[in-house]
Amino acid sequence: MKNEDVATTNIEELTKKVPSVSFLGLAIGAMAVSASLMLLNRKTWANFVGQWAPTLLILGTYNKIVKTFSAPYSEAQRGNHGDHASILKSPDELSRQPATRPLI
């Protein structure tokens, strides 16, 4: 990515490859292990493992942001970056004009 340094670019390229659902799965797993440890009366370990869940969810959010809002790679993409393109809409939807209603 052109706007970032080499270290940040490398980290973001690696995190893009990790599926977002894996962070959710790990967080739910940490909560289950924490609950199990609490039932086994290992409260210190249960609290320790239970605190992994928010960290994993934050990492998952970062992963999703990196995948969704990454900076353009080339000058051609940079030139088209602000043209209201959307990955959620098809080219037909983007080319349609919004219907105008008369003000009453």
C-alpha atoms as a PDB file:
ATOM      1  CA  MET A   1       0.000   0.000   0.000  1.00  0.00           C
ATOM      2  CA  LYS A   2       1.382   3.308  -1.033  1.00  0.00           C
ATOM      3  CA  ASN A   3       0.329   5.338   2.014  1.00  0.00           C
ATOM      4  CA  GLU A   4       1.968   3.089   4.594  1.00  0.00           C
ATOM      5  CA  ASP A   5       5.480   2.060   5.513  1.00  0.00           C
ATOM      6  CA  VAL A   6       6.900  -1.369   4.665  1.00  0.00           C
ATOM      7  CA  ALA A   7       6.170  -2.952   8.064  1.00  0.00           C
ATOM      8  CA  THR A   8       2.522  -1.856   8.088  1.00  0.00           C
ATOM      9  CA  THR A   9       2.025  -3.012   4.512  1.00  0.00           C
ATOM     10  CA  ASN A  10       3.482  -6.435   5.299  1.00  0.00           C
ATOM     11  CA  ILE A  11       1.323  -6.837   8.403  1.00  0.00           C
ATOM     12  CA  GLU A  12      -1.835  -5.830   6.535  1.00  0.00           C
ATOM     13  CA  GLU A  13      -1.045  -8.178   3.647  1.00  0.00           C
ATOM     14  CA  LEU A  14      -0.675 -11.070   6.117  1.00  0.00           C
ATOM     15  CA  THR A  15      -3.837 -10.244   8.069  1.00  0.00           C
ATOM     16  CA  LYS A  16      -5.896  -9.987   4.872  1.00  0.00           C
ATOM     17  CA  LYS A  17      -5.271 -13.690   4.283  1.00  0.00           C
ATOM     18  CA  VAL A  18      -6.811 -14.762   7.613  1.00  0.00           C
ATOM     19  CA  PRO A  19     -10.569 -15.441   7.347  1.00  0.00           C
ATOM     20  CA  SER A  20     -12.592 -13.095   9.551  1.00  0.00           C
ATOM     21  CA  VAL A  21     -14.654 -15.949  10.979  1.00  0.00           C
ATOM     22  CA  SER A  22     -11.518 -17.492  12.492  1.00  0.00           C
ATOM     23  CA  PHE A  23     -11.229 -14.624  14.990  1.00  0.00           C
ATOM     24  CA  LEU A  24     -14.856 -15.116  16.018  1.00  0.00           C
ATOM     25  CA  GLY A  25     -14.287 -18.850  16.408  1.00  0.00           C
ATOM     26  CA  LEU A  26     -11.212 -18.319  18.544  1.00  0.00           C
ATOM     27  CA  ALA A  27     -13.052 -15.792  20.735  1.00  0.00           C
ATOM     28  CA  ILE A  28     -15.981 -18.167  21.284  1.00  0.00           C
ATOM     29  CA  GLY A  29     -13.495 -20.957  21.998  1.00  0.00           C
ATOM     30  CA  ALA A  30     -11.740 -18.789  24.587  1.00  0.00           C
ATOM     31  CA  MET A  31     -15.087 -18.072  26.257  1.00  0.00           C
ATOM     32  CA  ALA A  32     -15.925 -21.801  26.327  1.00  0.00           C
ATOM     33  CA  VAL A  33     -12.529 -22.709  27.798  1.00  0.00           C
ATOM     34  CA  SER A  34     -12.921 -19.920  30.356  1.00  0.00           C
ATOM     35  CA  ALA A  35     -16.365 -21.190  31.369  1.00  0.00           C
ATOM     36  CA  SER A  36     -15.002 -24.726  31.656  1.00  0.00           C
ATOM     37  CA  LEU A  37     -12.136 -23.560  33.837  1.00  0.00           C
ATOM     38  CA  MET A  38     -14.590 -21.645  36.035  1.00  0.00           C
ATOM     39  CA  LEU A  39     -16.668 -24.819  36.486  1.00  0.00           C
ATOM     40  CA  LEU A  40     -13.482 -26.668  37.450  1.00  0.00           C
ATOM     41  CA  ASN A  41     -12.876 -24.004  40.132  1.00  0.00           C
ATOM     42  CA  ARG A  42      -9.748 -22.646  38.369  1.00  0.00           C
ATOM     43  CA  LYS A  43     -10.869 -19.016  38.660  1.00  0.00           C
ATOM     44  CA  THR A  44      -7.497 -17.370  38.023  1.00  0.00           C
ATOM     45  CA  TRP A  45      -6.978 -19.320  34.796  1.00  0.00           C
ATOM     46  CA  ALA A  46     -10.620 -18.773  33.801  1.00  0.00           C
ATOM     47  CA  ASN A  47     -10.185 -14.997  34.107  1.00  0.00           C
ATOM     48  CA  PHE A  48      -6.899 -15.131  32.203  1.00  0.00           C
ATOM     49  CA  VAL A  49      -8.320 -17.104  29.271  1.00  0.00           C
ATOM     50  CA  GLY A  50     -11.598 -15.154  29.354  1.00  0.00           C
ATOM     51  CA  GLN A  51      -9.716 -11.916  28.708  1.00  0.00           C
ATOM     52  CA  TRP A  52      -8.514 -13.261  25.353  1.00  0.00           C
ATOM     53  CA  ALA A  53     -11.998 -12.957  23.820  1.00  0.00           C
ATOM     54  CA  PRO A  54     -12.144  -9.127  23.578  1.00  0.00           C
ATOM     55  CA  THR A  55      -8.622  -9.003  22.162  1.00  0.00           C
ATOM     56  CA  LEU A  56      -9.483 -11.583  19.508  1.00  0.00           C
ATOM     57  CA  LEU A  57     -12.657  -9.705  18.580  1.00  0.00           C
ATOM     58  CA  ILE A  58     -10.706  -6.449  18.234  1.00  0.00           C
ATOM     59  CA  LEU A  59      -8.181  -8.219  15.999  1.00  0.00           C
ATOM     60  CA  GLY A  60     -11.091  -9.553  13.932  1.00  0.00           C
ATOM     61  CA  THR A  61     -12.471  -6.032  13.580  1.00  0.00           C
ATOM     62  CA  TYR A  62      -9.066  -4.771  12.459  1.00  0.00           C
ATOM     63  CA  ASN A  63      -8.889  -7.633   9.963  1.00  0.00           C
ATOM     64  CA  LYS A  64     -12.287  -6.692   8.524  1.00  0.00           C
ATOM     65  CA  ILE A  65     -11.328  -3.008   8.268  1.00  0.00           C
ATOM     66  CA  VAL A  66      -8.091  -3.860   6.464  1.00  0.00           C
ATOM     67  CA  LYS A  67      -9.983  -6.041   3.991  1.00  0.00           C
ATOM     68  CA  THR A  68     -12.743  -3.482   3.396  1.00  0.00           C
ATOM     69  CA  PHE A  69     -10.986  -0.131   3.384  1.00  0.00           C
ATOM     70  CA  SER A  70      -7.550  -0.876   1.999  1.00  0.00           C
ATOM     71  CA  ALA A  71      -5.809   1.862   0.069  1.00  0.00           C
ATOM     72  CA  PRO A  72      -5.466   1.597  -3.726  1.00  0.00           C
ATOM     73  CA  TYR A  73      -2.412  -0.237  -5.078  1.00  0.00           C
ATOM     74  CA  SER A  74      -1.777   1.526  -8.369  1.00  0.00           C
ATOM     75  CA  GLU A  75      -2.096   5.025  -9.759  1.00  0.00           C
ATOM     76  CA  ALA A  76      -5.062   3.884 -11.882  1.00  0.00           C
ATOM     77  CA  GLN A  77      -6.875   2.654  -8.779  1.00  0.00           C
ATOM     78  CA  ARG A  78      -5.883   5.830  -6.944  1.00  0.00           C
ATOM     79  CA  GLY A  79      -7.436   7.905  -9.737  1.00  0.00           C
ATOM     80  CA  ASN A  80     -10.715   5.977  -9.451  1.00  0.00           C
ATOM     81  CA  HIS A  81     -10.658   5.816  -5.661  1.00  0.00           C
ATOM     82  CA  GLY A  82     -13.121   8.654  -5.089  1.00  0.00           C
ATOM     83  CA  ASP A  83     -15.544   8.024  -7.946  1.00  0.00           C
ATOM     84  CA  HIS A  84     -18.273   6.669  -5.663  1.00  0.00           C
ATOM     85  CA  ALA A  85     -17.512   3.092  -6.647  1.00  0.00           C
ATOM     86  CA  SER A  86     -18.961   0.541  -4.302  1.00  0.00           C
ATOM     87  CA  ILE A  87     -18.218  -3.130  -3.879  1.00  0.00           C
ATOM     88  CA  LEU A  88     -21.775  -3.575  -2.612  1.00  0.00           C
ATOM     89  CA  LYS A  89     -23.454  -2.275  -5.773  1.00  0.00           C
ATOM     90  CA  SER A  90     -23.318  -3.558  -9.313  1.00  0.00           C
ATOM     91  CA  PRO A  91     -22.249  -1.241 -12.160  1.00  0.00           C
ATOM     92  CA  ASP A  92     -25.919  -1.018 -13.233  1.00  0.00           C
ATOM     93  CA  GLU A  93     -26.958   0.216  -9.795  1.00  0.00           C
ATOM     94  CA  LEU A  94     -24.158   2.776  -9.775  1.00  0.00           C
ATOM     95  CA  SER A  95     -25.124   4.165 -13.196  1.00  0.00           C
ATOM     96  CA  ARG A  96     -28.813   4.626 -12.349  1.00  0.00           C
ATOM     97  CA  GLN A  97     -29.957   8.113 -11.513  1.00  0.00           C
ATOM     98  CA  PRO A  98     -31.851   8.493  -8.249  1.00  0.00           C
ATOM     99  CA  ALA A  99     -35.548   9.120  -8.672  1.00  0.00           C
ATOM    100  CA  THR A 100     -36.472  12.694  -7.931  1.00  0.00           C
ATOM    101  CA  ARG A 101     -39.711  13.489  -6.213  1.00  0.00           C
ATOM    102  CA  PRO A 102     -41.318  16.886  -6.421  1.00  0.00           C
ATOM    103  CA  LEU A 103     -41.311  18.870  -3.231  1.00  0.00           C
ATOM    104  CA  ILE A 104     -44.799  19.651  -2.025  1.00  0.00           C
END
